[in-house]
Amino acid sequence: LAVFFPETTEEMARLIATHREQRIPYRIRARGHSSNGLVL
């Protein structure tokens, strides 16, 4: 439902902190080459 595209470490840090505070689960992905449920 929600996808974020950070460009800097600072933006990534804000995203991680916000998701932690709001208790929202997240997945990290780039090109999606995993097939073990790591990026979905």
All heavy atoms as atom14 arrays in JSON, in Angstrom:
{
  "sequence": "LAVFFPETTEEMARLIATHREQRIPYRIRARGHSSNGLVL",
  "atom14_mask": [
    [1, 1, 1, 1, 1, 1, 1, 1, 0, 0, 0, 0, 0, 0],
    [1, 1, 1, 1, 1, 0, 0, 0, 0, 0, 0, 0, 0, 0],
    [1, 1, 1, 1, 1, 1, 1, 0, 0, 0, 0, 0, 0, 0],
    [1, 1, 1, 1, 1, 1, 1, 1, 1, 1, 1, 0, 0, 0],
    [1, 1, 1, 1, 1, 1, 1, 1, 1, 1, 1, 0, 0, 0],
    [1, 1, 1, 1, 1, 1, 1, 0, 0, 0, 0, 0, 0, 0],
    [1, 1, 1, 1, 1, 1, 1, 1, 1, 0, 0, 0, 0, 0],
    [1, 1, 1, 1, 1, 1, 1, 0, 0, 0, 0, 0, 0, 0],
    [1, 1, 1, 1, 1, 1, 1, 0, 0, 0, 0, 0, 0, 0],
    [1, 1, 1, 1, 1, 1, 1, 1, 1, 0, 0, 0, 0, 0],
    [1, 1, 1, 1, 1, 1, 1, 1, 1, 0, 0, 0, 0, 0],
    [1, 1, 1, 1, 1, 1, 1, 1, 0, 0, 0, 0, 0, 0],
    [1, 1, 1, 1, 1, 0, 0, 0, 0, 0, 0, 0, 0, 0],
    [1, 1, 1, 1, 1, 1, 1, 1, 1, 1, 1, 0, 0, 0],
    [1, 1, 1, 1, 1, 1, 1, 1, 0, 0, 0, 0, 0, 0],
    [1, 1, 1, 1, 1, 1, 1, 1, 0, 0, 0, 0, 0, 0],
    [1, 1, 1, 1, 1, 0, 0, 0, 0, 0, 0, 0, 0, 0],
    [1, 1, 1, 1, 1, 1, 1, 0, 0, 0, 0, 0, 0, 0],
    [1, 1, 1, 1, 1, 1, 1, 1, 1, 1, 0, 0, 0, 0],
    [1, 1, 1, 1, 1, 1, 1, 1, 1, 1, 1, 0, 0, 0],
    [1, 1, 1, 1, 1, 1, 1, 1, 1, 0, 0, 0, 0, 0],
    [1, 1, 1, 1, 1, 1, 1, 1, 1, 0, 0, 0, 0, 0],
    [1, 1, 1, 1, 1, 1, 1, 1, 1, 1, 1, 0, 0, 0],
    [1, 1, 1, 1, 1, 1, 1, 1, 0, 0, 0, 0, 0, 0],
    [1, 1, 1, 1, 1, 1, 1, 0, 0, 0, 0, 0, 0, 0],
    [1, 1, 1, 1, 1, 1, 1, 1, 1, 1, 1, 1, 0, 0],
    [1, 1, 1, 1, 1, 1, 1, 1, 1, 1, 1, 0, 0, 0],
    [1, 1, 1, 1, 1, 1, 1, 1, 0, 0, 0, 0, 0, 0],
    [1, 1, 1, 1, 1, 1, 1, 1, 1, 1, 1, 0, 0, 0],
    [1, 1, 1, 1, 1, 0, 0, 0, 0, 0, 0, 0, 0, 0],
    [1, 1, 1, 1, 1, 1, 1, 1, 1, 1, 1, 0, 0, 0],
    [1, 1, 1, 1, 0, 0, 0, 0, 0, 0, 0, 0, 0, 0],
    [1, 1, 1, 1, 1, 1, 1, 1, 1, 1, 0, 0, 0, 0],
    [1, 1, 1, 1, 1, 1, 0, 0, 0, 0, 0, 0, 0, 0],
    [1, 1, 1, 1, 1, 1, 0, 0, 0, 0, 0, 0, 0, 0],
    [1, 1, 1, 1, 1, 1, 1, 1, 0, 0, 0, 0, 0, 0],
    [1, 1, 1, 1, 0, 0, 0, 0, 0, 0, 0, 0, 0, 0],
    [1, 1, 1, 1, 1, 1, 1, 1, 0, 0, 0, 0, 0, 0],
    [1, 1, 1, 1, 1, 1, 1, 0, 0, 0, 0, 0, 0, 0],
    [1, 1, 1, 1, 1, 1, 1, 1, 0, 0, 0, 0, 0, 0]
  ],
  "atom14_positions": [
    [[0.82, -1.2, 0.0], [0.0, 0.0, 0.0], [0.86, 1.26, 0.0], [0.51, 2.27, -0.59], [-0.93, 0.01, 1.22], [-1.91, 1.18, 1.35], [-2.87, 1.19, 0.16], [-2.68, 1.08, 2.66], [0.0, 0.0, 0.0], [0.0, 0.0, 0.0], [0.0, 0.0, 0.0], [0.0, 0.0, 0.0], [0.0, 0.0, 0.0], [0.0, 0.0, 0.0]],
    [[2.02, 1.16, 0.66], [2.91, 2.32, 0.77], [4.32, 1.93, 0.35], [4.85, 0.91, 0.81], [2.92, 2.86, 2.19], [0.0, 0.0, 0.0], [0.0, 0.0, 0.0], [0.0, 0.0, 0.0], [0.0, 0.0, 0.0], [0.0, 0.0, 0.0], [0.0, 0.0, 0.0], [0.0, 0.0, 0.0], [0.0, 0.0, 0.0], [0.0, 0.0, 0.0]],
    [[4.93, 2.73, -0.51], [6.3, 2.51, -0.97], [7.08, 3.82, -0.79], [6.58, 4.9, -1.16], [6.35, 2.08, -2.45], [7.79, 1.79, -2.87], [5.47, 0.88, -2.7], [0.0, 0.0, 0.0], [0.0, 0.0, 0.0], [0.0, 0.0, 0.0], [0.0, 0.0, 0.0], [0.0, 0.0, 0.0], [0.0, 0.0, 0.0], [0.0, 0.0, 0.0]],
    [[8.27, 3.73, -0.23], [9.11, 4.89, -0.01], [10.41, 4.74, -0.8], [10.95, 3.63, -0.92], [9.43, 5.05, 1.48], [8.22, 5.27, 2.34], [7.5, 4.19, 2.85], [7.77, 6.55, 2.62], [6.38, 4.38, 3.63], [6.65, 6.76, 3.4], [5.95, 5.68, 3.92], [0.0, 0.0, 0.0], [0.0, 0.0, 0.0], [0.0, 0.0, 0.0]],
    [[10.9, 5.87, -1.32], [12.12, 5.87, -2.12], [13.13, 6.86, -1.53], [13.32, 7.95, -2.06], [11.81, 6.25, -3.57], [10.99, 5.24, -4.32], [9.6, 5.35, -4.38], [11.58, 4.16, -4.94], [8.83, 4.44, -5.06], [10.81, 3.22, -5.64], [9.44, 3.36, -5.7], [0.0, 0.0, 0.0], [0.0, 0.0, 0.0], [0.0, 0.0, 0.0]],
    [[13.8, 6.5, -0.45], [14.82, 7.41, 0.11], [16.01, 7.53, -0.83], [16.29, 6.61, -1.61], [15.21, 6.72, 1.42], [14.95, 5.27, 1.17], [13.72, 5.23, 0.3], [0.0, 0.0, 0.0], [0.0, 0.0, 0.0], [0.0, 0.0, 0.0], [0.0, 0.0, 0.0], [0.0, 0.0, 0.0], [0.0, 0.0, 0.0], [0.0, 0.0, 0.0]],
    [[16.69, 8.66, -0.73], [17.89, 8.89, -1.54], [19.13, 9.08, -0.69], [20.24, 9.06, -1.22], [17.68, 10.1, -2.46], [16.56, 9.91, -3.46], [16.41, 11.09, -4.4], [17.35, 11.93, -4.46], [15.38, 11.19, -5.09], [0.0, 0.0, 0.0], [0.0, 0.0, 0.0], [0.0, 0.0, 0.0], [0.0, 0.0, 0.0], [0.0, 0.0, 0.0]],
    [[18.97, 9.29, 0.6], [20.1, 9.54, 1.48], [19.98, 8.7, 2.75], [18.89, 8.21, 3.08], [20.18, 11.02, 1.89], [19.04, 11.35, 2.7], [20.23, 11.93, 0.66], [0.0, 0.0, 0.0], [0.0, 0.0, 0.0], [0.0, 0.0, 0.0], [0.0, 0.0, 0.0], [0.0, 0.0, 0.0], [0.0, 0.0, 0.0], [0.0, 0.0, 0.0]],
    [[21.08, 8.59, 3.47], [21.07, 7.89, 4.76], [20.13, 8.59, 5.74], [19.41, 7.94, 6.5], [22.48, 7.82, 5.34], [23.31, 7.05, 4.46], [22.49, 7.18, 6.71], [0.0, 0.0, 0.0], [0.0, 0.0, 0.0], [0.0, 0.0, 0.0], [0.0, 0.0, 0.0], [0.0, 0.0, 0.0], [0.0, 0.0, 0.0], [0.0, 0.0, 0.0]],
    [[20.13, 9.92, 5.72], [19.28, 10.67, 6.64], [17.81, 10.38, 6.38], [17.01, 10.23, 7.32], [19.56, 12.17, 6.5], [20.94, 12.6, 6.98], [22.08, 12.13, 6.09], [21.85, 11.94, 4.86], [23.2, 11.92, 6.61], [0.0, 0.0, 0.0], [0.0, 0.0, 0.0], [0.0, 0.0, 0.0], [0.0, 0.0, 0.0], [0.0, 0.0, 0.0]],
    [[17.41, 10.3, 5.11], [16.02, 9.98, 4.79], [15.68, 8.56, 5.22], [14.58, 8.3, 5.73], [15.77, 10.16, 3.29], [15.79, 11.62, 2.85], [15.62, 11.8, 1.35], [15.71, 10.79, 0.61], [15.37, 12.94, 0.94], [0.0, 0.0, 0.0], [0.0, 0.0, 0.0], [0.0, 0.0, 0.0], [0.0, 0.0, 0.0], [0.0, 0.0, 0.0]],
    [[16.6, 7.64, 5.03], [16.38, 6.27, 5.48], [16.21, 6.24, 7.0], [15.32, 5.54, 7.52], [17.54, 5.38, 5.06], [17.43, 3.92, 5.53], [16.08, 3.0, 4.74], [16.87, 2.62, 3.16], [0.0, 0.0, 0.0], [0.0, 0.0, 0.0], [0.0, 0.0, 0.0], [0.0, 0.0, 0.0], [0.0, 0.0, 0.0], [0.0, 0.0, 0.0]],
    [[17.04, 6.97, 7.72], [16.96, 6.99, 9.18], [15.61, 7.52, 9.65], [15.0, 6.99, 10.59], [18.1, 7.84, 9.75], [0.0, 0.0, 0.0], [0.0, 0.0, 0.0], [0.0, 0.0, 0.0], [0.0, 0.0, 0.0], [0.0, 0.0, 0.0], [0.0, 0.0, 0.0], [0.0, 0.0, 0.0], [0.0, 0.0, 0.0], [0.0, 0.0, 0.0]],
    [[15.11, 8.58, 9.0], [13.81, 9.13, 9.38], [12.7, 8.12, 9.13], [11.78, 7.96, 9.94], [13.53, 10.41, 8.59], [14.37, 11.6, 9.02], [13.7, 12.92, 8.65], [13.44, 13.04, 7.22], [14.29, 13.53, 6.33], [15.5, 13.94, 6.74], [13.96, 13.63, 5.06], [0.0, 0.0, 0.0], [0.0, 0.0, 0.0], [0.0, 0.0, 0.0]],
    [[12.79, 7.41, 8.01], [11.77, 6.4, 7.7], [11.78, 5.28, 8.73], [10.71, 4.85, 9.2], [12.02, 5.83, 6.31], [11.61, 6.69, 5.12], [12.11, 6.07, 3.82], [10.1, 6.86, 5.07], [0.0, 0.0, 0.0], [0.0, 0.0, 0.0], [0.0, 0.0, 0.0], [0.0, 0.0, 0.0], [0.0, 0.0, 0.0], [0.0, 0.0, 0.0]],
    [[12.95, 4.79, 9.07], [13.05, 3.69, 10.03], [12.52, 4.14, 11.4], [11.76, 3.41, 12.06], [14.49, 3.19, 10.15], [15.0, 2.65, 8.81], [14.6, 2.11, 11.24], [14.21, 1.51, 8.25], [0.0, 0.0, 0.0], [0.0, 0.0, 0.0], [0.0, 0.0, 0.0], [0.0, 0.0, 0.0], [0.0, 0.0, 0.0], [0.0, 0.0, 0.0]],
    [[12.91, 5.33, 11.83], [12.46, 5.84, 13.13], [10.94, 6.01, 13.15], [10.27, 5.65, 14.13], [13.15, 7.16, 13.44], [0.0, 0.0, 0.0], [0.0, 0.0, 0.0], [0.0, 0.0, 0.0], [0.0, 0.0, 0.0], [0.0, 0.0, 0.0], [0.0, 0.0, 0.0], [0.0, 0.0, 0.0], [0.0, 0.0, 0.0], [0.0, 0.0, 0.0]],
    [[10.38, 6.55, 12.07], [8.94, 6.76, 12.0], [8.18, 5.44, 12.02], [7.17, 5.29, 12.73], [8.57, 7.55, 10.72], [9.21, 8.82, 10.75], [7.07, 7.73, 10.61], [0.0, 0.0, 0.0], [0.0, 0.0, 0.0], [0.0, 0.0, 0.0], [0.0, 0.0, 0.0], [0.0, 0.0, 0.0], [0.0, 0.0, 0.0], [0.0, 0.0, 0.0]],
    [[8.66, 4.47, 11.26], [7.99, 3.18, 11.25], [8.06, 2.51, 12.63], [7.11, 1.84, 13.04], [8.6, 2.27, 10.18], [8.1, 2.54, 8.8], [8.47, 3.65, 8.08], [7.22, 1.85, 8.02], [7.86, 3.63, 6.9], [7.1, 2.55, 6.84], [0.0, 0.0, 0.0], [0.0, 0.0, 0.0], [0.0, 0.0, 0.0], [0.0, 0.0, 0.0]],
    [[9.18, 2.7, 13.32], [9.3, 2.12, 14.66], [8.33, 2.79, 15.62], [7.65, 2.11, 16.41], [10.74, 2.27, 15.15], [11.0, 1.69, 16.54], [12.48, 1.77, 16.87], [12.77, 1.2, 18.16], [12.79, 1.88, 19.31], [12.51, 3.19, 19.3], [13.07, 1.29, 20.44], [0.0, 0.0, 0.0], [0.0, 0.0, 0.0], [0.0, 0.0, 0.0]],
    [[8.28, 4.11, 15.58], [7.4, 4.84, 16.49], [5.94, 4.49, 16.26], [5.15, 4.37, 17.2], [7.61, 6.35, 16.31], [8.96, 6.85, 16.79], [9.26, 8.25, 16.28], [8.37, 8.85, 15.62], [10.37, 8.76, 16.55], [0.0, 0.0, 0.0], [0.0, 0.0, 0.0], [0.0, 0.0, 0.0], [0.0, 0.0, 0.0], [0.0, 0.0, 0.0]],
    [[5.56, 4.32, 14.99], [4.17, 4.03, 14.66], [3.89, 2.53, 14.57], [2.77, 2.13, 14.25], [3.82, 4.72, 13.34], [3.94, 6.24, 13.4], [3.56, 6.9, 12.09], [3.08, 6.27, 11.17], [3.78, 8.21, 12.03], [0.0, 0.0, 0.0], [0.0, 0.0, 0.0], [0.0, 0.0, 0.0], [0.0, 0.0, 0.0], [0.0, 0.0, 0.0]],
    [[4.9, 1.73, 14.86], [4.77, 0.27, 14.88], [4.23, -0.27, 13.55], [3.37, -1.14, 13.5], [3.88, -0.17, 16.04], [4.44, 0.2, 17.4], [3.58, -0.31, 18.53], [4.15, 0.05, 19.82], [3.61, -0.28, 21.0], [2.47, -0.97, 21.03], [4.2, 0.09, 22.12], [0.0, 0.0, 0.0], [0.0, 0.0, 0.0], [0.0, 0.0, 0.0]],
    [[4.79, 0.26, 12.48], [4.43, -0.18, 11.14], [5.53, -1.11, 10.63], [6.69, -0.7, 10.55], [4.27, 1.01, 10.18], [3.19, 1.97, 10.69], [3.93, 0.53, 8.78], [3.1, 3.25, 9.89], [0.0, 0.0, 0.0], [0.0, 0.0, 0.0], [0.0, 0.0, 0.0], [0.0, 0.0, 0.0], [0.0, 0.0, 0.0], [0.0, 0.0, 0.0]],
    [[5.2, -2.33, 10.26], [6.23, -3.22, 9.71], [6.68, -2.73, 8.33], [5.93, -2.06, 7.62], [5.53, -4.58, 9.62], [4.08, -4.25, 9.55], [3.88, -2.98, 10.34], [0.0, 0.0, 0.0], [0.0, 0.0, 0.0], [0.0, 0.0, 0.0], [0.0, 0.0, 0.0], [0.0, 0.0, 0.0], [0.0, 0.0, 0.0], [0.0, 0.0, 0.0]],
    [[7.92, -3.07, 7.98], [8.45, -2.64, 6.69], [9.38, -3.71, 6.14], [9.89, -4.56, 6.87], [9.18, -1.3, 6.81], [10.36, -1.31, 7.76], [11.63, -1.68, 7.32], [10.19, -0.95, 9.1], [12.71, -1.7, 8.2], [11.26, -0.97, 9.97], [12.52, -1.34, 9.53], [13.57, -1.37, 10.39], [0.0, 0.0, 0.0], [0.0, 0.0, 0.0]],
    [[9.61, -3.63, 4.83], [10.58, -4.49, 4.15], [11.52, -3.59, 3.35], [11.09, -2.59, 2.79], [9.89, -5.46, 3.18], [9.0, -6.48, 3.85], [9.8, -7.6, 4.5], [8.91, -8.65, 4.95], [8.32, -8.69, 6.13], [8.5, -7.68, 6.98], [7.54, -9.69, 6.48], [0.0, 0.0, 0.0], [0.0, 0.0, 0.0], [0.0, 0.0, 0.0]],
    [[12.78, -3.98, 3.3], [13.78, -3.28, 2.5], [13.97, -4.06, 1.21], [14.15, -5.28, 1.23], [15.12, -3.16, 3.25], [14.92, -2.52, 4.62], [16.12, -2.38, 2.42], [14.41, -1.09, 4.58], [0.0, 0.0, 0.0], [0.0, 0.0, 0.0], [0.0, 0.0, 0.0], [0.0, 0.0, 0.0], [0.0, 0.0, 0.0], [0.0, 0.0, 0.0]],
    [[13.95, -3.37, 0.07], [14.19, -4.04, -1.19], [14.89, -3.09, -2.15], [14.81, -1.87, -2.02], [12.91, -4.58, -1.81], [11.98, -3.53, -2.38], [10.8, -4.16, -3.1], [11.15, -4.7, -4.4], [10.55, -5.72, -4.98], [9.57, -6.36, -4.35], [10.91, -6.14, -6.19], [0.0, 0.0, 0.0], [0.0, 0.0, 0.0], [0.0, 0.0, 0.0]],
    [[15.57, -3.69, -3.11], [16.14, -2.92, -4.21], [15.53, -3.45, -5.5], [14.47, -3.01, -5.92], [17.66, -3.03, -4.22], [0.0, 0.0, 0.0], [0.0, 0.0, 0.0], [0.0, 0.0, 0.0], [0.0, 0.0, 0.0], [0.0, 0.0, 0.0], [0.0, 0.0, 0.0], [0.0, 0.0, 0.0], [0.0, 0.0, 0.0], [0.0, 0.0, 0.0]],
    [[16.16, -4.48, -6.11], [15.64, -5.03, -7.36], [14.77, -6.28, -7.15], [14.23, -6.82, -8.09], [16.81, -5.35, -8.29], [17.67, -4.13, -8.67], [16.85, -3.08, -9.41], [17.63, -1.91, -9.79], [18.26, -1.77, -10.95], [18.25, -2.73, -11.84], [18.92, -0.66, -11.22], [0.0, 0.0, 0.0], [0.0, 0.0, 0.0], [0.0, 0.0, 0.0]],
    [[14.67, -6.77, -5.9], [13.75, -7.86, -5.62], [14.21, -9.22, -6.11], [13.39, -10.0, -6.61], [0.0, 0.0, 0.0], [0.0, 0.0, 0.0], [0.0, 0.0, 0.0], [0.0, 0.0, 0.0], [0.0, 0.0, 0.0], [0.0, 0.0, 0.0], [0.0, 0.0, 0.0], [0.0, 0.0, 0.0], [0.0, 0.0, 0.0], [0.0, 0.0, 0.0]],
    [[15.5, -9.56, -5.94], [15.99, -10.84, -6.44], [15.83, -11.98, -5.44], [16.16, -13.12, -5.76], [17.47, -10.71, -6.83], [17.67, -9.94, -8.1], [18.14, -8.66, -8.11], [17.43, -10.27, -9.39], [18.19, -8.22, -9.36], [17.77, -9.17, -10.15], [0.0, 0.0, 0.0], [0.0, 0.0, 0.0], [0.0, 0.0, 0.0], [0.0, 0.0, 0.0]],
    [[15.35, -11.7, -4.25], [15.09, -12.77, -3.29], [13.87, -13.57, -3.69], [12.93, -13.06, -4.29], [14.86, -12.16, -1.9], [14.26, -13.1, -1.03], [0.0, 0.0, 0.0], [0.0, 0.0, 0.0], [0.0, 0.0, 0.0], [0.0, 0.0, 0.0], [0.0, 0.0, 0.0], [0.0, 0.0, 0.0], [0.0, 0.0, 0.0], [0.0, 0.0, 0.0]],
    [[13.87, -14.85, -3.34], [12.68, -15.68, -3.51], [12.35, -16.39, -2.21], [11.79, -17.48, -2.2], [12.89, -16.7, -4.64], [14.03, -17.5, -4.4], [0.0, 0.0, 0.0], [0.0, 0.0, 0.0], [0.0, 0.0, 0.0], [0.0, 0.0, 0.0], [0.0, 0.0, 0.0], [0.0, 0.0, 0.0], [0.0, 0.0, 0.0], [0.0, 0.0, 0.0]],
    [[12.7, -15.76, -1.08], [12.53, -16.39, 0.23], [11.68, -15.52, 1.17], [11.85, -15.57, 2.38], [13.9, -16.66, 0.87], [13.85, -17.77, 1.9], [12.91, -18.57, 1.92], [14.85, -17.85, 2.76], [0.0, 0.0, 0.0], [0.0, 0.0, 0.0], [0.0, 0.0, 0.0], [0.0, 0.0, 0.0], [0.0, 0.0, 0.0], [0.0, 0.0, 0.0]],
    [[10.81, -14.7, 0.59], [9.91, -13.9, 1.4], [10.57, -12.74, 2.12], [10.02, -12.21, 3.09], [0.0, 0.0, 0.0], [0.0, 0.0, 0.0], [0.0, 0.0, 0.0], [0.0, 0.0, 0.0], [0.0, 0.0, 0.0], [0.0, 0.0, 0.0], [0.0, 0.0, 0.0], [0.0, 0.0, 0.0], [0.0, 0.0, 0.0], [0.0, 0.0, 0.0]],
    [[11.75, -12.3, 1.63], [12.49, -11.25, 2.33], [12.04, -9.85, 1.96], [12.24, -8.91, 2.73], [13.99, -11.38, 2.04], [14.64, -12.71, 2.41], [16.11, -12.7, 2.02], [14.49, -12.99, 3.9], [0.0, 0.0, 0.0], [0.0, 0.0, 0.0], [0.0, 0.0, 0.0], [0.0, 0.0, 0.0], [0.0, 0.0, 0.0], [0.0, 0.0, 0.0]],
    [[11.44, -9.66, 0.79], [11.16, -8.31, 0.3], [9.67, -8.06, 0.06], [9.3, -7.0, -0.45], [11.95, -8.01, -1.0], [13.44, -8.13, -0.75], [11.52, -8.93, -2.14], [0.0, 0.0, 0.0], [0.0, 0.0, 0.0], [0.0, 0.0, 0.0], [0.0, 0.0, 0.0], [0.0, 0.0, 0.0], [0.0, 0.0, 0.0], [0.0, 0.0, 0.0]],
    [[8.83, -9.01, 0.44], [7.39, -8.86, 0.24], [6.68, -8.83, 1.58], [7.09, -9.5, 2.53], [6.84, -10.01, -0.61], [7.36, -10.12, -2.03], [6.78, -11.36, -2.7], [7.03, -8.88, -2.84], [0.0, 0.0, 0.0], [0.0, 0.0, 0.0], [0.0, 0.0, 0.0], [0.0, 0.0, 0.0], [0.0, 0.0, 0.0], [0.0, 0.0, 0.0]]
  ]
}
